[in-house]
């Protein structure tokens, strides 16, 4: 089976965390339908620093309707 590389890019000048969280919740990041709460909770996101983890957690929690957050 041939694997197609999946690369998600965010244009320069675009707010990274806002764009990433929108793509995460609406399914754009995974080429799927919007994530269910169970899928969101089961996800794991790796970031390089604790500061990045704190900022990402805040951005994800600020989304309307986000009750379960992924592991970061």
N, C-alpha and C. Protein backbone atom coordinates (compact mmCIF):
# COMPACT_ATOMS: atom_id res chain seq x y z
N UNK A 1 0.84 -1.17 0.00
CA UNK A 1 0.00 0.00 0.00
C UNK A 1 0.90 1.25 0.00
N UNK A 2 0.61 2.14 -0.88
CA UNK A 2 1.39 3.37 -1.00
C UNK A 2 0.82 4.42 -0.05
N UNK A 3 1.69 5.03 0.75
CA UNK A 3 1.27 6.06 1.69
C UNK A 3 1.43 7.43 1.07
N UNK A 4 0.41 8.23 1.18
CA UNK A 4 0.44 9.59 0.68
C UNK A 4 0.85 10.50 1.84
N UNK A 5 1.93 11.27 1.67
CA UNK A 5 2.33 12.14 2.77
C UNK A 5 1.28 13.21 3.04
N UNK A 6 1.06 13.46 4.31
CA UNK A 6 0.11 14.50 4.70
C UNK A 6 0.88 15.63 5.35
N UNK A 7 0.80 16.77 4.75
CA UNK A 7 1.49 17.94 5.27
C UNK A 7 0.46 19.05 5.41
N UNK A 8 0.38 19.59 6.60
CA UNK A 8 -0.53 20.69 6.87
C UNK A 8 0.32 21.93 7.04
N UNK A 9 0.11 22.91 6.21
CA UNK A 9 0.89 24.14 6.31
C UNK A 9 -0.01 25.30 6.73
N UNK A 10 0.61 26.23 7.40
CA UNK A 10 -0.09 27.44 7.82
C UNK A 10 0.66 28.62 7.20
N UNK A 11 -0.01 29.43 6.39
CA UNK A 11 0.67 30.54 5.72
C UNK A 11 1.33 31.51 6.70
N UNK A 12 2.41 32.09 6.27
CA UNK A 12 3.11 33.10 7.08
C UNK A 12 2.16 34.27 7.34
N UNK A 13 2.24 34.81 8.53
CA UNK A 13 1.40 35.94 8.88
C UNK A 13 0.04 35.55 9.43
N UNK A 14 -0.26 34.26 9.41
CA UNK A 14 -1.52 33.76 9.92
C UNK A 14 -1.32 33.35 11.38
N UNK A 15 -2.25 33.67 12.27
CA UNK A 15 -2.08 33.28 13.68
C UNK A 15 -2.04 31.75 13.80
N UNK A 16 -0.90 31.23 14.22
CA UNK A 16 -0.67 29.79 14.23
C UNK A 16 -1.66 29.03 15.10
N UNK A 17 -1.78 29.40 16.37
CA UNK A 17 -2.62 28.64 17.28
C UNK A 17 -4.10 28.68 16.88
N UNK A 18 -4.58 29.82 16.45
CA UNK A 18 -5.98 29.93 16.01
C UNK A 18 -6.23 29.03 14.80
N UNK A 19 -5.31 29.06 13.84
CA UNK A 19 -5.45 28.26 12.63
C UNK A 19 -5.36 26.78 12.94
N UNK A 20 -4.38 26.41 13.78
CA UNK A 20 -4.21 25.00 14.13
C UNK A 20 -5.42 24.45 14.87
N UNK A 21 -5.92 25.19 15.87
CA UNK A 21 -7.05 24.68 16.63
C UNK A 21 -8.31 24.57 15.78
N UNK A 22 -8.52 25.52 14.88
CA UNK A 22 -9.67 25.42 13.98
C UNK A 22 -9.56 24.19 13.09
N UNK A 23 -8.37 23.95 12.53
CA UNK A 23 -8.16 22.78 11.68
C UNK A 23 -8.27 21.48 12.47
N UNK A 24 -7.83 21.50 13.72
CA UNK A 24 -7.91 20.31 14.56
C UNK A 24 -9.37 19.93 14.82
N UNK A 25 -10.18 20.89 15.24
CA UNK A 25 -11.56 20.59 15.60
C UNK A 25 -12.47 20.37 14.39
N UNK A 26 -12.23 21.05 13.28
CA UNK A 26 -13.15 20.87 12.14
C UNK A 26 -12.79 19.72 11.22
N UNK A 27 -11.68 19.02 11.49
CA UNK A 27 -11.31 17.84 10.72
C UNK A 27 -10.38 18.11 9.56
N UNK A 28 -10.07 19.35 9.26
CA UNK A 28 -9.17 19.69 8.15
C UNK A 28 -7.79 19.05 8.35
N UNK A 29 -7.33 19.00 9.56
CA UNK A 29 -6.02 18.46 9.87
C UNK A 29 -5.92 16.98 9.55
N UNK A 30 -7.05 16.27 9.60
CA UNK A 30 -7.06 14.83 9.39
C UNK A 30 -7.78 14.40 8.13
N UNK A 31 -8.23 15.33 7.31
CA UNK A 31 -9.04 15.01 6.12
C UNK A 31 -10.26 14.18 6.51
N UNK A 32 -10.96 14.63 7.53
CA UNK A 32 -12.13 13.88 8.00
C UNK A 32 -13.23 14.85 8.40
N UNK A 33 -14.29 14.27 8.91
CA UNK A 33 -15.38 15.08 9.45
C UNK A 33 -14.91 15.70 10.77
N UNK A 34 -15.62 16.66 11.29
CA UNK A 34 -15.24 17.23 12.60
C UNK A 34 -15.10 16.13 13.64
N UNK A 35 -14.15 16.32 14.55
CA UNK A 35 -13.88 15.32 15.57
C UNK A 35 -15.00 15.25 16.60
N UNK A 36 -15.28 14.04 17.04
CA UNK A 36 -16.22 13.84 18.13
C UNK A 36 -15.48 14.12 19.44
N UNK A 37 -16.20 14.34 20.53
CA UNK A 37 -15.50 14.55 21.81
C UNK A 37 -14.59 13.37 22.18
N UNK A 38 -15.00 12.14 21.88
CA UNK A 38 -14.17 10.98 22.19
C UNK A 38 -12.88 10.99 21.37
N UNK A 39 -12.98 11.35 20.09
CA UNK A 39 -11.79 11.42 19.24
C UNK A 39 -10.86 12.54 19.71
N UNK A 40 -11.44 13.65 20.12
CA UNK A 40 -10.64 14.75 20.63
C UNK A 40 -9.86 14.32 21.86
N UNK A 41 -10.53 13.66 22.79
CA UNK A 41 -9.89 13.22 24.02
C UNK A 41 -8.82 12.16 23.76
N UNK A 42 -8.99 11.35 22.71
CA UNK A 42 -8.04 10.29 22.41
C UNK A 42 -6.80 10.79 21.66
N UNK A 43 -6.88 11.99 21.12
CA UNK A 43 -5.76 12.54 20.33
C UNK A 43 -4.58 12.88 21.22
N UNK A 44 -3.40 12.89 20.62
CA UNK A 44 -2.17 13.23 21.33
C UNK A 44 -1.42 14.22 20.44
N UNK A 45 -1.08 15.39 20.98
CA UNK A 45 -0.36 16.42 20.23
C UNK A 45 0.98 16.64 20.91
N UNK A 46 2.04 16.55 20.13
CA UNK A 46 3.38 16.75 20.65
C UNK A 46 3.87 18.14 20.29
N UNK A 47 4.38 18.85 21.27
CA UNK A 47 4.93 20.18 21.08
C UNK A 47 6.32 20.23 21.68
N UNK A 48 7.17 21.18 21.26
CA UNK A 48 8.57 21.16 21.68
C UNK A 48 8.86 21.65 23.10
N UNK A 49 7.98 22.47 23.68
CA UNK A 49 8.29 23.04 25.00
C UNK A 49 7.04 23.10 25.87
N UNK A 50 7.25 23.29 27.16
CA UNK A 50 6.12 23.46 28.08
C UNK A 50 5.37 24.75 27.78
N UNK A 51 6.10 25.75 27.38
CA UNK A 51 5.45 27.03 27.02
C UNK A 51 4.50 26.83 25.85
N UNK A 52 4.93 26.06 24.85
CA UNK A 52 4.06 25.76 23.71
C UNK A 52 2.85 24.95 24.15
N UNK A 53 3.05 24.01 25.08
CA UNK A 53 1.94 23.20 25.58
C UNK A 53 0.92 24.06 26.31
N UNK A 54 1.41 25.00 27.11
CA UNK A 54 0.51 25.90 27.84
C UNK A 54 -0.29 26.76 26.87
N UNK A 55 0.37 27.31 25.87
CA UNK A 55 -0.32 28.17 24.89
C UNK A 55 -1.34 27.36 24.09
N UNK A 56 -0.98 26.14 23.68
CA UNK A 56 -1.89 25.31 22.91
C UNK A 56 -3.09 24.89 23.76
N UNK A 57 -2.85 24.54 25.00
CA UNK A 57 -3.95 24.17 25.89
C UNK A 57 -4.94 25.33 26.04
N UNK A 58 -4.42 26.53 26.22
CA UNK A 58 -5.29 27.71 26.34
C UNK A 58 -6.08 27.95 25.06
N UNK A 59 -5.43 27.80 23.91
CA UNK A 59 -6.11 28.01 22.63
C UNK A 59 -7.20 26.96 22.40
N UNK A 60 -6.91 25.72 22.74
CA UNK A 60 -7.91 24.66 22.56
C UNK A 60 -9.08 24.84 23.52
N UNK A 61 -8.79 25.22 24.75
CA UNK A 61 -9.85 25.40 25.75
C UNK A 61 -10.73 26.60 25.43
N UNK A 62 -10.20 27.58 24.71
CA UNK A 62 -10.96 28.78 24.38
C UNK A 62 -11.97 28.55 23.25
N UNK A 63 -11.83 27.43 22.55
CA UNK A 63 -12.77 27.15 21.46
C UNK A 63 -14.16 26.87 22.02
N UNK A 64 -15.20 27.44 21.43
CA UNK A 64 -16.56 27.18 21.91
C UNK A 64 -16.90 25.70 21.80
N UNK A 65 -17.46 25.15 22.85
CA UNK A 65 -17.89 23.76 22.83
C UNK A 65 -16.80 22.75 23.11
N UNK A 66 -15.60 23.19 23.41
CA UNK A 66 -14.52 22.24 23.69
C UNK A 66 -14.58 21.83 25.16
N UNK A 67 -15.01 20.59 25.39
CA UNK A 67 -15.11 20.11 26.76
C UNK A 67 -14.00 19.13 27.08
N UNK A 68 -13.64 18.32 26.15
CA UNK A 68 -12.56 17.35 26.33
C UNK A 68 -11.38 17.79 25.49
N UNK A 69 -10.21 17.86 26.08
CA UNK A 69 -9.03 18.29 25.37
C UNK A 69 -8.13 17.10 25.07
N UNK A 70 -7.36 17.19 24.01
CA UNK A 70 -6.41 16.11 23.71
C UNK A 70 -5.25 16.14 24.70
N UNK A 71 -4.51 15.04 24.73
CA UNK A 71 -3.28 15.02 25.52
C UNK A 71 -2.24 15.86 24.80
N UNK A 72 -1.56 16.69 25.55
CA UNK A 72 -0.53 17.55 24.95
C UNK A 72 0.77 17.29 25.66
